[in-house]
Amino acid sequence: MKCKAGIAWDSEGFINKYIAGCGTSCEPVTPQMLGAPYYRGNFNALVIPTGFGNSMYSSILPALRASSGRIEKFVKKGGRVIAFGAMTNDSDSYNWLPFKCEYVHEYFSASVSDDNAGEFHGFLEDFDASNVECDGYFKTKDVDFDVIAKTEDEKAVMIAKKYGDGYYLVTSVHELPSKSFIRKFCSGNVEILF
């Protein structure tokens, strides 16, 4: 079993250290690397940290848009993408995904239920699910994805979309996933060419 993640961000940071501490190999994937046709990373999952949509935090969003076709191919071949909250009111922050995903940026704490999590169960296991920090939620009218976790007032805070042999997992939970979840999400029988 291989356990490796690409971290899409401007430079290495806390998320790289956290994921490495979960027992997962990490490879930084900068905006320049995402857009470079000669870049050939091999990993099981691509992690897009919180704040990717806000230019105050990162310049990764234009690169995600420019390489959306490449990301789609990676997922179709069995790769997994986890994207956290965009941290912006820009409604186009998720337009690099191959499905409609409308994010509402809003800070709140709430009780979160992941009863529909299926294979994504365990994301919340390292903290108190009755008081989860979130940086927004996803609109669920006329959508083509599964709601994985939601608040008591029905705000979708984690969604998933099966795409080919892989998955897109999108979350506005403003907490780090559990270590066991990271290991499971970033594992596969083979690393996939990005």
C-alpha atoms as a PDB file:
ATOM      1  CA  MET A   1       0.000   0.000   0.000  1.00  0.00           C
ATOM      2  CA  LYS A   2       1.368   3.418  -1.021  1.00  0.00           C
ATOM      3  CA  CYS A   3       0.633   6.519   1.066  1.00  0.00           C
ATOM      4  CA  LYS A   4       1.619   9.798  -0.597  1.00  0.00           C
ATOM      5  CA  ALA A   5       0.024  13.230  -1.017  1.00  0.00           C
ATOM      6  CA  GLY A   6       0.751  16.250  -3.158  1.00  0.00           C
ATOM      7  CA  ILE A   7       0.121  19.514  -1.297  1.00  0.00           C
ATOM      8  CA  ALA A   8      -1.020  22.284  -3.671  1.00  0.00           C
ATOM      9  CA  TRP A   9       0.210  25.546  -2.154  1.00  0.00           C
ATOM     10  CA  ASP A  10       2.712  28.337  -2.731  1.00  0.00           C
ATOM     11  CA  SER A  11       5.292  26.888  -0.344  1.00  0.00           C
ATOM     12  CA  GLU A  12       5.648  24.235   2.321  1.00  0.00           C
ATOM     13  CA  GLY A  13       3.792  25.013   5.519  1.00  0.00           C
ATOM     14  CA  PHE A  14       2.037  23.631   8.550  1.00  0.00           C
ATOM     15  CA  ILE A  15      -0.233  21.302   6.534  1.00  0.00           C
ATOM     16  CA  ASN A  16       2.831  19.555   5.063  1.00  0.00           C
ATOM     17  CA  LYS A  17       4.181  18.918   8.560  1.00  0.00           C
ATOM     18  CA  TYR A  18       0.808  17.719   9.817  1.00  0.00           C
ATOM     19  CA  ILE A  19       0.296  15.291   6.935  1.00  0.00           C
ATOM     20  CA  ALA A  20       3.861  13.989   7.236  1.00  0.00           C
ATOM     21  CA  GLY A  21       3.182  13.492  10.956  1.00  0.00           C
ATOM     22  CA  CYS A  22       0.226  11.291   9.983  1.00  0.00           C
ATOM     23  CA  GLY A  23       2.639   8.844   8.338  1.00  0.00           C
ATOM     24  CA  THR A  24       2.027  10.116   4.809  1.00  0.00           C
ATOM     25  CA  SER A  25       4.778  11.164   2.405  1.00  0.00           C
ATOM     26  CA  CYS A  26       4.281  14.718   1.138  1.00  0.00           C
ATOM     27  CA  GLU A  27       5.288  16.394  -2.074  1.00  0.00           C
ATOM     28  CA  PRO A  28       4.853  20.170  -2.409  1.00  0.00           C
ATOM     29  CA  VAL A  29       3.052  21.179  -5.608  1.00  0.00           C
ATOM     30  CA  THR A  30       3.476  24.920  -6.220  1.00  0.00           C
ATOM     31  CA  PRO A  31       1.375  26.966  -8.676  1.00  0.00           C
ATOM     32  CA  GLN A  32       4.301  26.885 -11.117  1.00  0.00           C
ATOM     33  CA  MET A  33       4.495  23.087 -10.895  1.00  0.00           C
ATOM     34  CA  LEU A  34       0.732  22.696 -11.412  1.00  0.00           C
ATOM     35  CA  GLY A  35       0.959  24.664 -14.637  1.00  0.00           C
ATOM     36  CA  ALA A  36       4.172  23.117 -15.943  1.00  0.00           C
ATOM     37  CA  PRO A  37       3.533  20.421 -18.587  1.00  0.00           C
ATOM     38  CA  TYR A  38       6.825  18.702 -17.716  1.00  0.00           C
ATOM     39  CA  TYR A  39       5.941  18.259 -14.020  1.00  0.00           C
ATOM     40  CA  ARG A  40       5.166  14.592 -13.323  1.00  0.00           C
ATOM     41  CA  GLY A  41       4.303  13.991  -9.694  1.00  0.00           C
ATOM     42  CA  ASN A  42       3.249  10.576  -8.434  1.00  0.00           C
ATOM     43  CA  PHE A  43       0.907  10.393  -5.455  1.00  0.00           C
ATOM     44  CA  ASN A  44      -2.468   9.061  -4.318  1.00  0.00           C
ATOM     45  CA  ALA A  45      -4.100  12.306  -3.213  1.00  0.00           C
ATOM     46  CA  LEU A  46      -3.893  16.017  -3.915  1.00  0.00           C
ATOM     47  CA  VAL A  47      -4.548  18.230  -0.879  1.00  0.00           C
ATOM     48  CA  ILE A  48      -5.695  21.825  -1.404  1.00  0.00           C
ATOM     49  CA  PRO A  49      -5.533  23.636   1.961  1.00  0.00           C
ATOM     50  CA  THR A  50      -7.908  26.178   3.478  1.00  0.00           C
ATOM     51  CA  GLY A  51      -7.684  29.642   1.940  1.00  0.00           C
ATOM     52  CA  PHE A  52      -6.802  28.555  -1.605  1.00  0.00           C
ATOM     53  CA  GLY A  53      -9.397  30.938  -3.070  1.00  0.00           C
ATOM     54  CA  ASN A  54      -8.223  34.027  -1.209  1.00  0.00           C
ATOM     55  CA  SER A  55      -5.308  35.896  -2.796  1.00  0.00           C
ATOM     56  CA  MET A  56      -4.301  37.190   0.664  1.00  0.00           C
ATOM     57  CA  TYR A  57      -3.312  33.614   1.556  1.00  0.00           C
ATOM     58  CA  SER A  58      -2.319  31.949  -1.696  1.00  0.00           C
ATOM     59  CA  SER A  59      -1.864  32.350  -5.440  1.00  0.00           C
ATOM     60  CA  ILE A  60      -2.850  28.736  -6.189  1.00  0.00           C
ATOM     61  CA  LEU A  61      -6.381  29.374  -7.549  1.00  0.00           C
ATOM     62  CA  PRO A  62      -5.368  30.509 -11.079  1.00  0.00           C
ATOM     63  CA  ALA A  63      -3.119  27.430 -11.325  1.00  0.00           C
ATOM     64  CA  LEU A  64      -5.979  25.149 -10.214  1.00  0.00           C
ATOM     65  CA  ARG A  65      -8.165  26.647 -12.948  1.00  0.00           C
ATOM     66  CA  ALA A  66      -5.436  26.331 -15.583  1.00  0.00           C
ATOM     67  CA  SER A  67      -4.719  22.710 -14.649  1.00  0.00           C
ATOM     68  CA  SER A  68      -8.308  21.571 -14.028  1.00  0.00           C
ATOM     69  CA  GLY A  69      -8.129  19.126 -16.960  1.00  0.00           C
ATOM     70  CA  ARG A  70      -4.969  17.602 -15.555  1.00  0.00           C
ATOM     71  CA  ILE A  71      -6.585  17.281 -12.115  1.00  0.00           C
ATOM     72  CA  GLU A  72      -9.630  15.606 -13.710  1.00  0.00           C
ATOM     73  CA  LYS A  73      -7.400  13.019 -15.435  1.00  0.00           C
ATOM     74  CA  PHE A  74      -5.663  12.312 -12.119  1.00  0.00           C
ATOM     75  CA  VAL A  75      -9.006  11.719 -10.387  1.00  0.00           C
ATOM     76  CA  LYS A  76     -10.425   9.620 -13.238  1.00  0.00           C
ATOM     77  CA  LYS A  77      -7.409   7.295 -12.903  1.00  0.00           C
ATOM     78  CA  GLY A  78      -8.168   6.763  -9.201  1.00  0.00           C
ATOM     79  CA  GLY A  79      -6.614   9.811  -7.571  1.00  0.00           C
ATOM     80  CA  ARG A  80      -8.329  11.657  -4.769  1.00  0.00           C
ATOM     81  CA  VAL A  81      -8.575  15.390  -4.254  1.00  0.00           C
ATOM     82  CA  ILE A  82      -9.468  17.025  -0.956  1.00  0.00           C
ATOM     83  CA  ALA A  83     -10.159  20.758  -1.140  1.00  0.00           C
ATOM     84  CA  PHE A  84     -10.782  22.778   1.992  1.00  0.00           C
ATOM     85  CA  GLY A  85     -12.644  26.085   2.357  1.00  0.00           C
ATOM     86  CA  ALA A  86     -11.811  28.776  -0.191  1.00  0.00           C
ATOM     87  CA  MET A  87     -12.057  31.517   2.488  1.00  0.00           C
ATOM     88  CA  THR A  88     -13.510  34.085   0.109  1.00  0.00           C
ATOM     89  CA  ASN A  89     -16.880  35.396  -1.015  1.00  0.00           C
ATOM     90  CA  ASP A  90     -15.872  34.845  -4.649  1.00  0.00           C
ATOM     91  CA  SER A  91     -18.542  32.471  -5.940  1.00  0.00           C
ATOM     92  CA  ASP A  92     -16.193  31.163  -8.654  1.00  0.00           C
ATOM     93  CA  SER A  93     -13.580  29.748  -6.276  1.00  0.00           C
ATOM     94  CA  TYR A  94     -14.565  26.163  -7.055  1.00  0.00           C
ATOM     95  CA  ASN A  95     -15.101  26.584 -10.809  1.00  0.00           C
ATOM     96  CA  TRP A  96     -12.043  24.403 -11.461  1.00  0.00           C
ATOM     97  CA  LEU A  97     -14.058  21.365 -10.324  1.00  0.00           C
ATOM     98  CA  PRO A  98     -15.896  19.304 -12.979  1.00  0.00           C
ATOM     99  CA  PHE A  99     -19.204  19.782 -11.129  1.00  0.00           C
ATOM    100  CA  LYS A 100     -21.179  22.711  -9.757  1.00  0.00           C
ATOM    101  CA  CYS A 101     -20.084  23.649  -6.249  1.00  0.00           C
ATOM    102  CA  GLU A 102     -21.320  26.867  -4.672  1.00  0.00           C
ATOM    103  CA  TYR A 103     -19.599  27.902  -1.433  1.00  0.00           C
ATOM    104  CA  VAL A 104     -20.914  30.443   1.061  1.00  0.00           C
ATOM    105  CA  HIS A 105     -18.103  31.938   3.163  1.00  0.00           C
ATOM    106  CA  GLU A 106     -19.241  32.274   6.779  1.00  0.00           C
ATOM    107  CA  TYR A 107     -17.480  31.495  10.059  1.00  0.00           C
ATOM    108  CA  PHE A 108     -19.444  29.472  12.580  1.00  0.00           C
ATOM    109  CA  SER A 109     -19.223  26.628  15.094  1.00  0.00           C
ATOM    110  CA  ALA A 110     -21.787  23.869  14.926  1.00  0.00           C
ATOM    111  CA  SER A 111     -22.582  20.301  15.741  1.00  0.00           C
ATOM    112  CA  VAL A 112     -21.697  18.266  12.651  1.00  0.00           C
ATOM    113  CA  SER A 113     -23.051  14.874  11.678  1.00  0.00           C
ATOM    114  CA  ASP A 114     -21.239  12.663   9.174  1.00  0.00           C
ATOM    115  CA  ASP A 115     -23.850   9.896   9.064  1.00  0.00           C
ATOM    116  CA  ASN A 116     -23.511   9.684   5.257  1.00  0.00           C
ATOM    117  CA  ALA A 117     -19.711   9.630   5.263  1.00  0.00           C
ATOM    118  CA  GLY A 118     -19.287   6.035   4.085  1.00  0.00           C
ATOM    119  CA  GLU A 119     -15.645   5.576   3.146  1.00  0.00           C
ATOM    120  CA  PHE A 120     -14.922   9.139   4.270  1.00  0.00           C
ATOM    121  CA  HIS A 121     -15.950   8.343   7.833  1.00  0.00           C
ATOM    122  CA  GLY A 122     -13.363   9.319  10.410  1.00  0.00           C
ATOM    123  CA  PHE A 123     -12.608  12.862   9.264  1.00  0.00           C
ATOM    124  CA  LEU A 124     -14.043  14.212  12.533  1.00  0.00           C
ATOM    125  CA  GLU A 125     -12.844  11.511  14.926  1.00  0.00           C
ATOM    126  CA  ASP A 126      -9.998  13.510  16.529  1.00  0.00           C
ATOM    127  CA  PHE A 127     -12.226  16.312  17.827  1.00  0.00           C
ATOM    128  CA  ASP A 128     -15.593  17.041  19.389  1.00  0.00           C
ATOM    129  CA  ALA A 129     -18.219  16.786  16.615  1.00  0.00           C
ATOM    130  CA  SER A 130     -20.671  18.774  18.736  1.00  0.00           C
ATOM    131  CA  ASN A 131     -18.579  21.945  18.283  1.00  0.00           C
ATOM    132  CA  VAL A 132     -16.825  22.013  14.903  1.00  0.00           C
ATOM    133  CA  GLU A 133     -15.321  25.191  13.444  1.00  0.00           C
ATOM    134  CA  CYS A 134     -16.400  25.842   9.843  1.00  0.00           C
ATOM    135  CA  ASP A 135     -15.500  28.593   7.380  1.00  0.00           C
ATOM    136  CA  GLY A 136     -18.626  28.215   5.264  1.00  0.00           C
ATOM    137  CA  TYR A 137     -21.017  25.735   3.709  1.00  0.00           C
ATOM    138  CA  PHE A 138     -22.101  24.472   0.286  1.00  0.00           C
ATOM    139  CA  LYS A 139     -25.439  25.121  -1.375  1.00  0.00           C
ATOM    140  CA  THR A 140     -27.254  21.883  -2.152  1.00  0.00           C
ATOM    141  CA  LYS A 141     -30.057  22.847  -4.528  1.00  0.00           C
ATOM    142  CA  ASP A 142     -29.828  21.186  -7.971  1.00  0.00           C
ATOM    143  CA  VAL A 143     -26.389  19.660  -7.422  1.00  0.00           C
ATOM    144  CA  ASP A 144     -24.632  16.511  -8.553  1.00  0.00           C
ATOM    145  CA  PHE A 145     -22.657  15.511  -5.453  1.00  0.00           C
ATOM    146  CA  ASP A 146     -23.247  13.666  -2.187  1.00  0.00           C
ATOM    147  CA  VAL A 147     -23.510  15.494   1.118  1.00  0.00           C
ATOM    148  CA  ILE A 148     -21.127  13.708   3.479  1.00  0.00           C
ATOM    149  CA  ALA A 149     -21.430  15.897   6.585  1.00  0.00           C
ATOM    150  CA  LYS A 150     -23.862  18.610   7.617  1.00  0.00           C
ATOM    151  CA  THR A 151     -24.789  20.769  10.560  1.00  0.00           C
ATOM    152  CA  GLU A 152     -27.957  20.396  12.619  1.00  0.00           C
ATOM    153  CA  ASP A 153     -29.534  23.186  10.541  1.00  0.00           C
ATOM    154  CA  GLU A 154     -28.743  21.237   7.336  1.00  0.00           C
ATOM    155  CA  LYS A 155     -25.752  23.252   6.101  1.00  0.00           C
ATOM    156  CA  ALA A 156     -23.565  20.966   3.986  1.00  0.00           C
ATOM    157  CA  VAL A 157     -19.984  21.235   5.263  1.00  0.00           C
ATOM    158  CA  MET A 158     -18.501  18.232   3.450  1.00  0.00           C
ATOM    159  CA  ILE A 159     -19.420  16.979  -0.006  1.00  0.00           C
ATOM    160  CA  ALA A 160     -18.051  14.251  -2.273  1.00  0.00           C
ATOM    161  CA  LYS A 161     -18.221  13.456  -5.955  1.00  0.00           C
ATOM    162  CA  LYS A 162     -17.187  10.126  -7.468  1.00  0.00           C
ATOM    163  CA  TYR A 163     -15.381  10.855 -10.714  1.00  0.00           C
ATOM    164  CA  GLY A 164     -14.062   7.975 -12.784  1.00  0.00           C
ATOM    165  CA  ASP A 165     -12.103   5.734 -10.411  1.00  0.00           C
ATOM    166  CA  GLY A 166     -11.395   8.542  -7.925  1.00  0.00           C
ATOM    167  CA  TYR A 167     -13.092  11.154  -5.786  1.00  0.00           C
ATOM    168  CA  TYR A 168     -13.301  14.839  -5.120  1.00  0.00           C
ATOM    169  CA  LEU A 169     -13.907  15.607  -1.437  1.00  0.00           C
ATOM    170  CA  VAL A 170     -14.664  19.243  -0.620  1.00  0.00           C
ATOM    171  CA  THR A 171     -15.031  20.518   2.933  1.00  0.00           C
ATOM    172  CA  SER A 172     -15.548  23.773   4.781  1.00  0.00           C
ATOM    173  CA  VAL A 173     -14.668  22.168   8.118  1.00  0.00           C
ATOM    174  CA  HIS A 174     -11.998  24.492   9.487  1.00  0.00           C
ATOM    175  CA  GLU A 175     -10.230  21.746  11.433  1.00  0.00           C
ATOM    176  CA  LEU A 176      -7.487  19.325  10.470  1.00  0.00           C
ATOM    177  CA  PRO A 177      -8.790  15.878   9.510  1.00  0.00           C
ATOM    178  CA  SER A 178      -7.987  13.019  11.855  1.00  0.00           C
ATOM    179  CA  LYS A 179      -4.617  11.345  11.381  1.00  0.00           C
ATOM    180  CA  SER A 180      -6.223   8.010  10.539  1.00  0.00           C
ATOM    181  CA  PHE A 181      -8.417   9.712   7.933  1.00  0.00           C
ATOM    182  CA  ILE A 182      -5.381  11.321   6.275  1.00  0.00           C
ATOM    183  CA  ARG A 183      -3.561   7.972   6.120  1.00  0.00           C
ATOM    184  CA  LYS A 184      -6.616   6.255   4.630  1.00  0.00           C
ATOM    185  CA  PHE A 185      -7.479   9.051   2.165  1.00  0.00           C
ATOM    186  CA  CYS A 186      -3.901   9.337   0.887  1.00  0.00           C
ATOM    187  CA  SER A 187      -3.366   5.579   0.449  1.00  0.00           C
ATOM    188  CA  GLY A 188      -3.739   3.353  -2.574  1.00  0.00           C
ATOM    189  CA  ASN A 189      -2.293   0.277  -4.196  1.00  0.00           C
ATOM    190  CA  VAL A 190      -0.258   2.382  -6.622  1.00  0.00           C
ATOM    191  CA  GLU A 191       0.758   6.009  -6.896  1.00  0.00           C
ATOM    192  CA  ILE A 192      -0.956   7.812  -9.762  1.00  0.00           C
ATOM    193  CA  LEU A 193       0.825  10.014 -12.278  1.00  0.00           C
ATOM    194  CA  PHE A 194      -0.333  13.600 -11.996  1.00  0.00           C
END
